[in-house]
């Protein structure tokens, strides 16, 4: 099977490329490298350095492809608040271009990298896929619009599709070329920031008075390798004329303080922290209900928070 991986030079996309090529999939990557890294592309993998805003480059990348795994897009919540038009153009309009080019060449299968940001402030924990989408930022809004767009594409053009709503992705993967890990600029994810914390530049804890056991926010984390294994299972279970949505997480939660404590144990020293004010829009608790993925994809995560932290630590040493 020939798979086009958009965003295949980024953190999650490059991990997908590595795992899938090792499983015998033929891979083409489409990425403009605006946030990804061309040096992550393995030898022998076709790489089209191009944009979802350029239909000609999309068409080139789709040559002889059977299915699209769509990771490409802008993904920083804060930036989306500052630049909502950019997020609409790249995420929504770019995906519209991709779907249109897929239709022209007859590619009718897609697995989409969606987000738990589509849910906004949850009314119920753990969060089910049936929860009403109420995003609290433009990034989440673009992901929800794309989910709806893909659903309409499935009804109108008969594509087989799955939207996978991630919670917090962490960890790293070691391969023959070294570590495939988070290389974001700026880095906004908690675990790498905790591991890079210093006395001069301590990691900030945004609020210590939340209604949780230790007063800090609780989030659901999933290892990037487990995440990609879910993508492959979703790909293998796609059904014509059908669009399915799945949550991907651990089904459990860890507070910010618990992450700091686990990182301190892994490093052998106390991680410096700085208590800061709450951030507007942060929910106290976000935990995924992954019952549907367990049942329909036969998927369950196997790598816990200690592995996510140790892999990340090894990748940045």
C-alpha atoms as a PDB file:
ATOM      1  CA  UNK A   1       0.000   0.000   0.000  1.00  0.00           C
ATOM      2  CA  UNK A   2       1.307   3.446  -0.964  1.00  0.00           C
ATOM      3  CA  UNK A   3       0.647   6.098   1.701  1.00  0.00           C
ATOM      4  CA  UNK A   4       1.017   9.865   1.344  1.00  0.00           C
ATOM      5  CA  UNK A   5       2.014  11.328   4.715  1.00  0.00           C
ATOM      6  CA  UNK A   6       1.445  15.071   4.832  1.00  0.00           C
ATOM      7  CA  UNK A   7       3.545  16.770   7.485  1.00  0.00           C
ATOM      8  CA  UNK A   8       5.893  13.806   7.376  1.00  0.00           C
ATOM      9  CA  UNK A   9       8.948  15.776   8.525  1.00  0.00           C
ATOM     10  CA  UNK A  10       7.347  16.881  11.802  1.00  0.00           C
ATOM     11  CA  UNK A  11       7.439  15.183  15.197  1.00  0.00           C
ATOM     12  CA  UNK A  12       4.436  12.894  14.783  1.00  0.00           C
ATOM     13  CA  UNK A  13       4.621  12.606  10.995  1.00  0.00           C
ATOM     14  CA  UNK A  14       8.273  11.527  10.949  1.00  0.00           C
ATOM     15  CA  UNK A  15       7.499   8.849  13.529  1.00  0.00           C
ATOM     16  CA  UNK A  16       4.698   7.602  11.281  1.00  0.00           C
ATOM     17  CA  UNK A  17       7.085   7.508   8.309  1.00  0.00           C
ATOM     18  CA  UNK A  18       9.635   5.445  10.237  1.00  0.00           C
ATOM     19  CA  UNK A  19       7.177   2.935  11.680  1.00  0.00           C
ATOM     20  CA  UNK A  20       5.206   2.473   8.470  1.00  0.00           C
ATOM     21  CA  UNK A  21       8.184   2.060   6.154  1.00  0.00           C
ATOM     22  CA  UNK A  22       9.531  -0.578   8.553  1.00  0.00           C
ATOM     23  CA  UNK A  23       6.200  -2.385   8.202  1.00  0.00           C
ATOM     24  CA  UNK A  24       6.481  -2.462   4.404  1.00  0.00           C
ATOM     25  CA  UNK A  25       4.329   0.499   3.397  1.00  0.00           C
ATOM     26  CA  UNK A  26       5.476   2.567   0.444  1.00  0.00           C
ATOM     27  CA  UNK A  27       5.726   6.180   1.603  1.00  0.00           C
ATOM     28  CA  UNK A  28       5.591   9.612  -0.025  1.00  0.00           C
ATOM     29  CA  UNK A  29       6.023  12.698   2.171  1.00  0.00           C
ATOM     30  CA  UNK A  30       4.490  16.112   1.428  1.00  0.00           C
ATOM     31  CA  UNK A  31       5.761  18.866   3.707  1.00  0.00           C
ATOM     32  CA  UNK A  32       6.778  22.496   3.312  1.00  0.00           C
ATOM     33  CA  UNK A  33       9.189  22.164   6.284  1.00  0.00           C
ATOM     34  CA  UNK A  34       7.854  25.371   7.823  1.00  0.00           C
ATOM     35  CA  UNK A  35       7.889  23.605  11.201  1.00  0.00           C
ATOM     36  CA  UNK A  36       9.262  20.184  10.230  1.00  0.00           C
ATOM     37  CA  UNK A  37      12.806  19.087   9.461  1.00  0.00           C
ATOM     38  CA  UNK A  38      13.943  17.739   6.100  1.00  0.00           C
ATOM     39  CA  UNK A  39      16.811  15.880   7.786  1.00  0.00           C
ATOM     40  CA  UNK A  40      14.253  13.461   9.259  1.00  0.00           C
ATOM     41  CA  UNK A  41      13.416  12.026   5.814  1.00  0.00           C
ATOM     42  CA  UNK A  42      14.897   8.509   5.474  1.00  0.00           C
ATOM     43  CA  UNK A  43      16.848   7.532   2.401  1.00  0.00           C
ATOM     44  CA  UNK A  44      14.669   5.910  -0.236  1.00  0.00           C
ATOM     45  CA  UNK A  45      11.471   7.699   0.784  1.00  0.00           C
ATOM     46  CA  UNK A  46       9.969  10.017  -1.843  1.00  0.00           C
ATOM     47  CA  UNK A  47       9.846  13.577  -0.525  1.00  0.00           C
ATOM     48  CA  UNK A  48       7.865  16.383  -2.134  1.00  0.00           C
ATOM     49  CA  UNK A  49       8.757  19.667  -0.447  1.00  0.00           C
ATOM     50  CA  UNK A  50       5.523  21.454  -1.094  1.00  0.00           C
ATOM     51  CA  UNK A  51       2.516  23.153   0.448  1.00  0.00           C
ATOM     52  CA  UNK A  52      -1.128  22.268   0.928  1.00  0.00           C
ATOM     53  CA  UNK A  53      -1.811  25.737  -0.465  1.00  0.00           C
ATOM     54  CA  UNK A  54      -0.384  24.678  -3.849  1.00  0.00           C
ATOM     55  CA  UNK A  55      -2.672  22.208  -5.701  1.00  0.00           C
ATOM     56  CA  UNK A  56       0.048  21.397  -8.247  1.00  0.00           C
ATOM     57  CA  UNK A  57       2.400  20.218  -5.489  1.00  0.00           C
ATOM     58  CA  UNK A  58      -0.389  18.223  -3.868  1.00  0.00           C
ATOM     59  CA  UNK A  59      -1.166  16.537  -7.194  1.00  0.00           C
ATOM     60  CA  UNK A  60       2.504  15.651  -7.611  1.00  0.00           C
ATOM     61  CA  UNK A  61       2.639  14.088  -4.153  1.00  0.00           C
ATOM     62  CA  UNK A  62      -0.537  12.050  -4.786  1.00  0.00           C
ATOM     63  CA  UNK A  63       0.952  10.155  -7.746  1.00  0.00           C
ATOM     64  CA  UNK A  64       0.185   6.422  -7.399  1.00  0.00           C
ATOM     65  CA  UNK A  65      -1.007   6.899  -3.789  1.00  0.00           C
ATOM     66  CA  UNK A  66      -3.683   4.652  -2.232  1.00  0.00           C
ATOM     67  CA  UNK A  67      -4.365   6.482   1.042  1.00  0.00           C
ATOM     68  CA  UNK A  68      -3.531   9.792   2.725  1.00  0.00           C
ATOM     69  CA  UNK A  69      -2.395  10.150   6.326  1.00  0.00           C
ATOM     70  CA  UNK A  70      -2.878  13.853   6.989  1.00  0.00           C
ATOM     71  CA  UNK A  71      -0.702  15.381   9.748  1.00  0.00           C
ATOM     72  CA  UNK A  72       0.229  18.713   8.119  1.00  0.00           C
ATOM     73  CA  UNK A  73      -1.022  21.936   9.655  1.00  0.00           C
ATOM     74  CA  UNK A  74      -0.464  24.693  12.166  1.00  0.00           C
ATOM     75  CA  UNK A  75      -0.877  23.553  15.776  1.00  0.00           C
ATOM     76  CA  UNK A  76       0.025  26.238  18.333  1.00  0.00           C
ATOM     77  CA  UNK A  77      -2.934  27.440  20.365  1.00  0.00           C
ATOM     78  CA  UNK A  78      -1.384  30.791  21.288  1.00  0.00           C
ATOM     79  CA  UNK A  79      -0.316  31.511  17.729  1.00  0.00           C
ATOM     80  CA  UNK A  80      -3.802  30.652  16.492  1.00  0.00           C
ATOM     81  CA  UNK A  81      -5.259  33.346  18.760  1.00  0.00           C
ATOM     82  CA  UNK A  82      -2.815  35.881  17.321  1.00  0.00           C
ATOM     83  CA  UNK A  83      -3.145  34.708  13.700  1.00  0.00           C
ATOM     84  CA  UNK A  84      -6.582  33.136  13.184  1.00  0.00           C
ATOM     85  CA  UNK A  85      -6.585  33.879   9.443  1.00  0.00           C
ATOM     86  CA  UNK A  86      -3.304  31.999   9.024  1.00  0.00           C
ATOM     87  CA  UNK A  87      -4.763  28.967  10.787  1.00  0.00           C
ATOM     88  CA  UNK A  88      -7.865  29.007   8.638  1.00  0.00           C
ATOM     89  CA  UNK A  89      -5.825  29.348   5.455  1.00  0.00           C
ATOM     90  CA  UNK A  90      -3.292  26.623   6.214  1.00  0.00           C
ATOM     91  CA  UNK A  91      -5.443  24.137   8.127  1.00  0.00           C
ATOM     92  CA  UNK A  92      -8.895  24.520   6.597  1.00  0.00           C
ATOM     93  CA  UNK A  93      -8.166  25.799   3.085  1.00  0.00           C
ATOM     94  CA  UNK A  94      -5.134  23.516   2.812  1.00  0.00           C
ATOM     95  CA  UNK A  95      -7.217  20.473   3.695  1.00  0.00           C
ATOM     96  CA  UNK A  96      -9.887  21.583   1.237  1.00  0.00           C
ATOM     97  CA  UNK A  97      -7.215  21.639  -1.480  1.00  0.00           C
ATOM     98  CA  UNK A  98      -6.006  18.198  -0.425  1.00  0.00           C
ATOM     99  CA  UNK A  99      -9.506  16.698  -0.549  1.00  0.00           C
ATOM    100  CA  UNK A 100     -10.183  18.252  -3.939  1.00  0.00           C
ATOM    101  CA  UNK A 101      -6.945  16.881  -5.404  1.00  0.00           C
ATOM    102  CA  UNK A 102      -7.664  13.466  -3.886  1.00  0.00           C
ATOM    103  CA  UNK A 103     -11.031  13.493  -5.645  1.00  0.00           C
ATOM    104  CA  UNK A 104      -9.445  14.392  -8.985  1.00  0.00           C
ATOM    105  CA  UNK A 105      -7.038  11.443  -8.888  1.00  0.00           C
ATOM    106  CA  UNK A 106      -9.408   8.964  -7.265  1.00  0.00           C
ATOM    107  CA  UNK A 107      -7.798   8.586  -3.808  1.00  0.00           C
ATOM    108  CA  UNK A 108     -10.672   7.792  -1.459  1.00  0.00           C
ATOM    109  CA  UNK A 109      -9.056   6.941   1.886  1.00  0.00           C
ATOM    110  CA  UNK A 110      -7.839   9.315   4.600  1.00  0.00           C
ATOM    111  CA  UNK A 111      -6.714   9.220   8.215  1.00  0.00           C
ATOM    112  CA  UNK A 112      -6.722  12.718   9.718  1.00  0.00           C
ATOM    113  CA  UNK A 113      -4.745  14.100  12.645  1.00  0.00           C
ATOM    114  CA  UNK A 114      -7.472  15.856  14.635  1.00  0.00           C
ATOM    115  CA  UNK A 115      -7.334  17.113  18.211  1.00  0.00           C
ATOM    116  CA  UNK A 116      -9.008  17.070  21.595  1.00  0.00           C
ATOM    117  CA  UNK A 117      -9.014  20.868  21.222  1.00  0.00           C
ATOM    118  CA  UNK A 118     -12.248  20.352  19.252  1.00  0.00           C
ATOM    119  CA  UNK A 119     -14.060  19.719  22.565  1.00  0.00           C
ATOM    120  CA  UNK A 120     -13.151  22.923  24.389  1.00  0.00           C
ATOM    121  CA  UNK A 121     -14.257  23.047  28.031  1.00  0.00           C
ATOM    122  CA  UNK A 122     -15.566  19.519  28.710  1.00  0.00           C
ATOM    123  CA  UNK A 123     -18.944  19.010  30.341  1.00  0.00           C
ATOM    124  CA  UNK A 124     -18.127  15.421  31.265  1.00  0.00           C
ATOM    125  CA  UNK A 125     -14.907  13.570  32.173  1.00  0.00           C
ATOM    126  CA  UNK A 126     -13.690  11.330  30.627  1.00  0.00           C
ATOM    127  CA  UNK A 127     -14.542  12.921  27.274  1.00  0.00           C
ATOM    128  CA  UNK A 128     -16.455  10.808  24.764  1.00  0.00           C
ATOM    129  CA  UNK A 129     -16.445  11.321  20.994  1.00  0.00           C
ATOM    130  CA  UNK A 130     -20.140  12.196  21.258  1.00  0.00           C
ATOM    131  CA  UNK A 131     -19.336  15.338  23.291  1.00  0.00           C
ATOM    132  CA  UNK A 132     -20.462  18.516  21.564  1.00  0.00           C
ATOM    133  CA  UNK A 133     -17.585  20.356  19.922  1.00  0.00           C
ATOM    134  CA  UNK A 134     -17.122  23.800  21.478  1.00  0.00           C
ATOM    135  CA  UNK A 135     -13.526  24.886  20.812  1.00  0.00           C
ATOM    136  CA  UNK A 136     -12.125  27.746  22.858  1.00  0.00           C
ATOM    137  CA  UNK A 137      -9.440  28.826  20.371  1.00  0.00           C
ATOM    138  CA  UNK A 138      -9.019  29.147  16.585  1.00  0.00           C
ATOM    139  CA  UNK A 139      -6.728  26.090  16.408  1.00  0.00           C
ATOM    140  CA  UNK A 140      -9.429  23.834  17.869  1.00  0.00           C
ATOM    141  CA  UNK A 141     -12.022  25.470  15.641  1.00  0.00           C
ATOM    142  CA  UNK A 142     -10.027  24.650  12.497  1.00  0.00           C
ATOM    143  CA  UNK A 143      -9.729  21.006  13.557  1.00  0.00           C
ATOM    144  CA  UNK A 144     -13.474  20.780  14.171  1.00  0.00           C
ATOM    145  CA  UNK A 145     -14.245  22.383  10.795  1.00  0.00           C
ATOM    146  CA  UNK A 146     -11.949  19.875   9.088  1.00  0.00           C
ATOM    147  CA  UNK A 147     -13.594  16.942  10.885  1.00  0.00           C
ATOM    148  CA  UNK A 148     -16.949  18.212   9.629  1.00  0.00           C
ATOM    149  CA  UNK A 149     -15.528  18.770   6.145  1.00  0.00           C
ATOM    150  CA  UNK A 150     -14.238  15.196   5.986  1.00  0.00           C
ATOM    151  CA  UNK A 151     -17.587  13.891   7.189  1.00  0.00           C
ATOM    152  CA  UNK A 152     -19.315  15.776   4.379  1.00  0.00           C
ATOM    153  CA  UNK A 153     -16.735  14.467   1.901  1.00  0.00           C
ATOM    154  CA  UNK A 154     -17.505  10.944   3.023  1.00  0.00           C
ATOM    155  CA  UNK A 155     -21.230  11.448   2.489  1.00  0.00           C
ATOM    156  CA  UNK A 156     -20.876  13.310  -0.795  1.00  0.00           C
ATOM    157  CA  UNK A 157     -17.947  11.571  -2.475  1.00  0.00           C
ATOM    158  CA  UNK A 158     -17.869   8.261  -0.650  1.00  0.00           C
ATOM    159  CA  UNK A 159     -14.410   8.502   0.878  1.00  0.00           C
ATOM    160  CA  UNK A 160     -13.441   6.204   3.751  1.00  0.00           C
ATOM    161  CA  UNK A 161     -12.012   8.305   6.568  1.00  0.00           C
ATOM    162  CA  UNK A 162     -11.099   8.446  10.230  1.00  0.00           C
ATOM    163  CA  UNK A 163     -10.420  11.509  12.391  1.00  0.00           C
ATOM    164  CA  UNK A 164      -8.183  10.753  15.362  1.00  0.00           C
ATOM    165  CA  UNK A 165      -8.561  13.248  18.180  1.00  0.00           C
ATOM    166  CA  UNK A 166      -5.282  13.363  20.106  1.00  0.00           C
ATOM    167  CA  UNK A 167      -4.939  14.375  23.690  1.00  0.00           C
ATOM    168  CA  UNK A 168      -1.301  15.094  24.756  1.00  0.00           C
ATOM    169  CA  UNK A 169       1.346  13.335  22.660  1.00  0.00           C
ATOM    170  CA  UNK A 170       4.740  12.718  24.262  1.00  0.00           C
ATOM    171  CA  UNK A 171       7.795  10.503  24.111  1.00  0.00           C
ATOM    172  CA  UNK A 172      10.237   9.816  21.294  1.00  0.00           C
ATOM    173  CA  UNK A 173      11.343   7.002  18.998  1.00  0.00           C
ATOM    174  CA  UNK A 174      14.881   5.777  18.490  1.00  0.00           C
ATOM    175  CA  UNK A 175      15.845   4.614  15.004  1.00  0.00           C
ATOM    176  CA  UNK A 176      19.050   3.983  13.064  1.00  0.00           C
ATOM    177  CA  UNK A 177      19.401   7.723  12.391  1.00  0.00           C
ATOM    178  CA  UNK A 178      19.016   8.660  16.050  1.00  0.00           C
ATOM    179  CA  UNK A 179      16.023   9.974  17.982  1.00  0.00           C
ATOM    180  CA  UNK A 180      12.814  11.186  16.360  1.00  0.00           C
ATOM    181  CA  UNK A 181      11.599  13.611  18.985  1.00  0.00           C
ATOM    182  CA  UNK A 182      10.009  16.982  19.614  1.00  0.00           C
ATOM    183  CA  UNK A 183      11.916  19.820  17.939  1.00  0.00           C
ATOM    184  CA  UNK A 184       9.391  22.612  18.190  1.00  0.00           C
ATOM    185  CA  UNK A 185      10.303  26.297  18.146  1.00  0.00           C
ATOM    186  CA  UNK A 186       8.922  27.516  20.420  1.00  0.00           C
ATOM    187  CA  UNK A 187       8.425  24.388  22.544  1.00  0.00           C
ATOM    188  CA  UNK A 188       5.020  24.498  24.232  1.00  0.00           C
ATOM    189  CA  UNK A 189       4.665  20.903  25.432  1.00  0.00           C
ATOM    190  CA  UNK A 190       5.031  20.209  29.122  1.00  0.00           C
ATOM    191  CA  UNK A 191       7.342  17.181  29.270  1.00  0.00           C
ATOM    192  CA  UNK A 192      10.251  18.534  27.188  1.00  0.00           C
ATOM    193  CA  UNK A 193       9.941  21.894  28.932  1.00  0.00           C
ATOM    194  CA  UNK A 194      10.036  20.227  32.340  1.00  0.00           C
ATOM    195  CA  UNK A 195      13.142  18.261  31.350  1.00  0.00           C
ATOM    196  CA  UNK A 196      14.882  21.429  30.129  1.00  0.00           C
ATOM    197  CA  UNK A 197      13.961  23.427  33.232  1.00  0.00           C
ATOM    198  CA  UNK A 198      16.826  25.175  35.042  1.00  0.00           C
ATOM    199  CA  UNK A 199      17.171  27.347  38.118  1.00  0.00           C
ATOM    200  CA  UNK A 200      17.695  30.335  35.815  1.00  0.00           C
ATOM    201  CA  UNK A 201      14.739  29.448  33.579  1.00  0.00           C
ATOM    202  CA  UNK A 202      12.340  27.265  35.598  1.00  0.00           C
ATOM    203  CA  UNK A 203       9.294  25.659  34.036  1.00  0.00           C
ATOM    204  CA  UNK A 204       6.111  27.556  34.834  1.00  0.00           C
ATOM    205  CA  UNK A 205       3.164  25.888  36.540  1.00  0.00           C
ATOM    206  CA  UNK A 206       0.057  27.758  35.457  1.00  0.00           C
ATOM    207  CA  UNK A 207      -2.113  27.701  38.558  1.00  0.00           C
ATOM    208  CA  UNK A 208      -1.815  25.704  41.785  1.00  0.00           C
ATOM    209  CA  UNK A 209      -5.386  26.195  42.981  1.00  0.00           C
ATOM    210  CA  UNK A 210      -7.307  24.082  40.467  1.00  0.00           C
ATOM    211  CA  UNK A 211     -10.017  21.698  41.782  1.00  0.00           C
ATOM    212  CA  UNK A 212      -7.686  18.691  41.561  1.00  0.00           C
ATOM    213  CA  UNK A 213      -5.952  16.642  44.299  1.00  0.00           C
ATOM    214  CA  UNK A 214      -2.704  18.652  44.162  1.00  0.00           C
ATOM    215  CA  UNK A 215      -4.097  21.900  42.737  1.00  0.00           C
ATOM    216  CA  UNK A 216      -2.492  21.564  39.289  1.00  0.00           C
ATOM    217  CA  UNK A 217      -4.152  20.745  35.968  1.00  0.00           C
ATOM    218  CA  UNK A 218      -4.589  17.120  34.948  1.00  0.00           C
ATOM    219  CA  UNK A 219      -3.993  15.978  31.379  1.00  0.00           C
ATOM    220  CA  UNK A 220      -4.057  12.716  29.435  1.00  0.00           C
ATOM    221  CA  UNK A 221      -0.796  11.667  27.740  1.00  0.00           C
ATOM    222  CA  UNK A 222      -0.140   9.113  24.991  1.00  0.00           C
ATOM    223  CA  UNK A 223       3.225   7.924  23.663  1.00  0.00           C
ATOM    224  CA  UNK A 224       3.888   8.901  20.046  1.00  0.00           C
ATOM    225  CA  UNK A 225       4.591   5.268  19.064  1.00  0.00           C
ATOM    226  CA  UNK A 226       1.266   4.115  20.536  1.00  0.00           C
ATOM    227  CA  UNK A 227      -0.365   6.980  18.666  1.00  0.00           C
ATOM    228  CA  UNK A 228       1.022   5.872  15.294  1.00  0.00           C
ATOM    229  CA  UNK A 229       0.030   2.282  15.960  1.00  0.00           C
ATOM    230  CA  UNK A 230      -3.537   3.572  16.337  1.00  0.00           C
ATOM    231  CA  UNK A 231      -3.248   5.366  12.980  1.00  0.00           C
ATOM    232  CA  UNK A 232      -2.237   2.150  11.271  1.00  0.00           C
ATOM    233  CA  UNK A 233      -5.128   0.266  12.851  1.00  0.00           C
ATOM    234  CA  UNK A 234      -7.494   3.042  11.748  1.00  0.00           C
ATOM    235  CA  UNK A 235      -6.105   2.874   8.215  1.00  0.00           C
ATOM    236  CA  UNK A 236      -6.623  -0.888   8.107  1.00  0.00           C
ATOM    237  CA  UNK A 237     -10.257  -0.587   9.235  1.00  0.00           C
ATOM    238  CA  UNK A 238     -11.433   2.233   6.945  1.00  0.00           C
ATOM    239  CA  UNK A 239     -14.868   1.623   5.463  1.00  0.00           C
ATOM    240  CA  UNK A 240     -16.124   3.092   2.183  1.00  0.00           C
ATOM    241  CA  UNK A 241     -18.659   5.928   2.503  1.00  0.00           C
ATOM    242  CA  UNK A 242     -17.967   6.178   6.209  1.00  0.00           C
ATOM    243  CA  UNK A 243     -16.209   8.684   8.489  1.00  0.00           C
ATOM    244  CA  UNK A 244     -15.393   7.662  12.051  1.00  0.00           C
ATOM    245  CA  UNK A 245     -14.004   9.732  14.935  1.00  0.00           C
ATOM    246  CA  UNK A 246     -11.801   8.246  17.673  1.00  0.00           C
ATOM    247  CA  UNK A 247     -10.197   9.677  20.792  1.00  0.00           C
ATOM    248  CA  UNK A 248      -6.549   8.745  21.331  1.00  0.00           C
ATOM    249  CA  UNK A 249      -5.084   9.043  24.799  1.00  0.00           C
ATOM    250  CA  UNK A 250      -4.273   6.796  27.722  1.00  0.00           C
ATOM    251  CA  UNK A 251      -7.706   7.012  29.328  1.00  0.00           C
ATOM    252  CA  UNK A 252      -5.964   8.245  32.468  1.00  0.00           C
ATOM    253  CA  UNK A 253      -4.643  11.560  33.698  1.00  0.00           C
ATOM    254  CA  UNK A 254      -1.546  13.025  35.328  1.00  0.00           C
ATOM    255  CA  UNK A 255      -1.285  16.374  37.038  1.00  0.00           C
ATOM    256  CA  UNK A 256       1.444  18.869  36.222  1.00  0.00           C
ATOM    257  CA  UNK A 257       2.930  18.208  39.644  1.00  0.00           C
ATOM    258  CA  UNK A 258       2.968  14.455  38.982  1.00  0.00           C
ATOM    259  CA  UNK A 259       4.810  15.037  35.685  1.00  0.00           C
ATOM    260  CA  UNK A 260       7.384  17.208  37.469  1.00  0.00           C
ATOM    261  CA  UNK A 261       7.857  14.562  40.172  1.00  0.00           C
ATOM    262  CA  UNK A 262       8.266  11.772  37.593  1.00  0.00           C
ATOM    263  CA  UNK A 263      10.789  13.886  35.665  1.00  0.00           C
ATOM    264  CA  UNK A 264      12.699  14.606  38.878  1.00  0.00           C
ATOM    265  CA  UNK A 265      12.909  10.870  39.514  1.00  0.00           C
ATOM    266  CA  UNK A 266      14.135  10.224  35.957  1.00  0.00           C
ATOM    267  CA  UNK A 267      16.803  12.951  36.067  1.00  0.00           C
ATOM    268  CA  UNK A 268      17.916  12.319  39.622  1.00  0.00           C
ATOM    269  CA  UNK A 269      17.438  15.915  40.749  1.00  0.00           C
ATOM    270  CA  UNK A 270      14.537  18.187  41.725  1.00  0.00           C
ATOM    271  CA  UNK A 271      13.144  19.951  38.671  1.00  0.00           C
ATOM    272  CA  UNK A 272      12.973  23.726  39.264  1.00  0.00           C
ATOM    273  CA  UNK A 273       9.458  25.165  38.911  1.00  0.00           C
ATOM    274  CA  UNK A 274       7.818  28.572  39.114  1.00  0.00           C
ATOM    275  CA  UNK A 275       4.222  28.965  40.242  1.00  0.00           C
ATOM    276  CA  UNK A 276       2.393  31.291  37.841  1.00  0.00           C
ATOM    277  CA  UNK A 277      -1.132  32.554  37.328  1.00  0.00           C
ATOM    278  CA  UNK A 278      -3.727  30.421  35.600  1.00  0.00           C
ATOM    279  CA  UNK A 279      -4.020  30.770  31.826  1.00  0.00           C
ATOM    280  CA  UNK A 280      -7.375  31.827  30.426  1.00  0.00           C
ATOM    281  CA  UNK A 281      -9.251  28.959  28.825  1.00  0.00           C
ATOM    282  CA  UNK A 282      -7.369  26.118  30.533  1.00  0.00           C
ATOM    283  CA  UNK A 283      -9.720  23.369  31.750  1.00  0.00           C
ATOM    284  CA  UNK A 284      -8.855  21.785  35.102  1.00  0.00           C
ATOM    285  CA  UNK A 285      -9.033  18.218  33.781  1.00  0.00           C
ATOM    286  CA  UNK A 286      -8.850  16.687  30.302  1.00  0.00           C
ATOM    287  CA  UNK A 287      -8.998  12.894  30.082  1.00  0.00           C
ATOM    288  CA  UNK A 288     -10.026  10.849  27.043  1.00  0.00           C
ATOM    289  CA  UNK A 289     -12.589   8.093  26.979  1.00  0.00           C
ATOM    290  CA  UNK A 290     -10.790   5.604  24.685  1.00  0.00           C
ATOM    291  CA  UNK A 291     -13.444   2.886  24.854  1.00  0.00           C
ATOM    292  CA  UNK A 292     -14.324   3.311  21.193  1.00  0.00           C
ATOM    293  CA  UNK A 293     -10.714   2.945  19.991  1.00  0.00           C
ATOM    294  CA  UNK A 294     -10.240  -0.121  22.183  1.00  0.00           C
ATOM    295  CA  UNK A 295     -13.409  -1.708  20.852  1.00  0.00           C
ATOM    296  CA  UNK A 296     -13.348  -0.820  17.146  1.00  0.00           C
ATOM    297  CA  UNK A 297      -9.608  -0.536  16.485  1.00  0.00           C
ATOM    298  CA  UNK A 298      -8.481  -3.184  18.980  1.00  0.00           C
ATOM    299  CA  UNK A 299      -6.019  -0.556  20.206  1.00  0.00           C
ATOM    300  CA  UNK A 300      -4.743   0.244  23.639  1.00  0.00           C
ATOM    301  CA  UNK A 301      -1.642   2.203  24.654  1.00  0.00           C
ATOM    302  CA  UNK A 302       1.163   0.165  26.203  1.00  0.00           C
ATOM    303  CA  UNK A 303       3.807   2.794  27.050  1.00  0.00           C
ATOM    304  CA  UNK A 304       3.237   4.689  30.270  1.00  0.00           C
ATOM    305  CA  UNK A 305       4.259   8.122  31.472  1.00  0.00           C
ATOM    306  CA  UNK A 306       7.647   6.914  32.774  1.00  0.00           C
ATOM    307  CA  UNK A 307       8.546   5.668  29.267  1.00  0.00           C
ATOM    308  CA  UNK A 308       7.389   8.954  27.708  1.00  0.00           C
ATOM    309  CA  UNK A 309       9.622  10.887  30.088  1.00  0.00           C
ATOM    310  CA  UNK A 310      12.654   8.585  29.780  1.00  0.00           C
ATOM    311  CA  UNK A 311      12.479   8.553  25.968  1.00  0.00           C
ATOM    312  CA  UNK A 312      12.210  12.332  25.864  1.00  0.00           C
ATOM    313  CA  UNK A 313      15.110  12.660  28.288  1.00  0.00           C
ATOM    314  CA  UNK A 314      17.320  10.395  26.175  1.00  0.00           C
ATOM    315  CA  UNK A 315      16.414  12.311  23.022  1.00  0.00           C
ATOM    316  CA  UNK A 316      17.553  15.674  24.413  1.00  0.00           C
ATOM    317  CA  UNK A 317      20.776  14.536  26.090  1.00  0.00           C
END
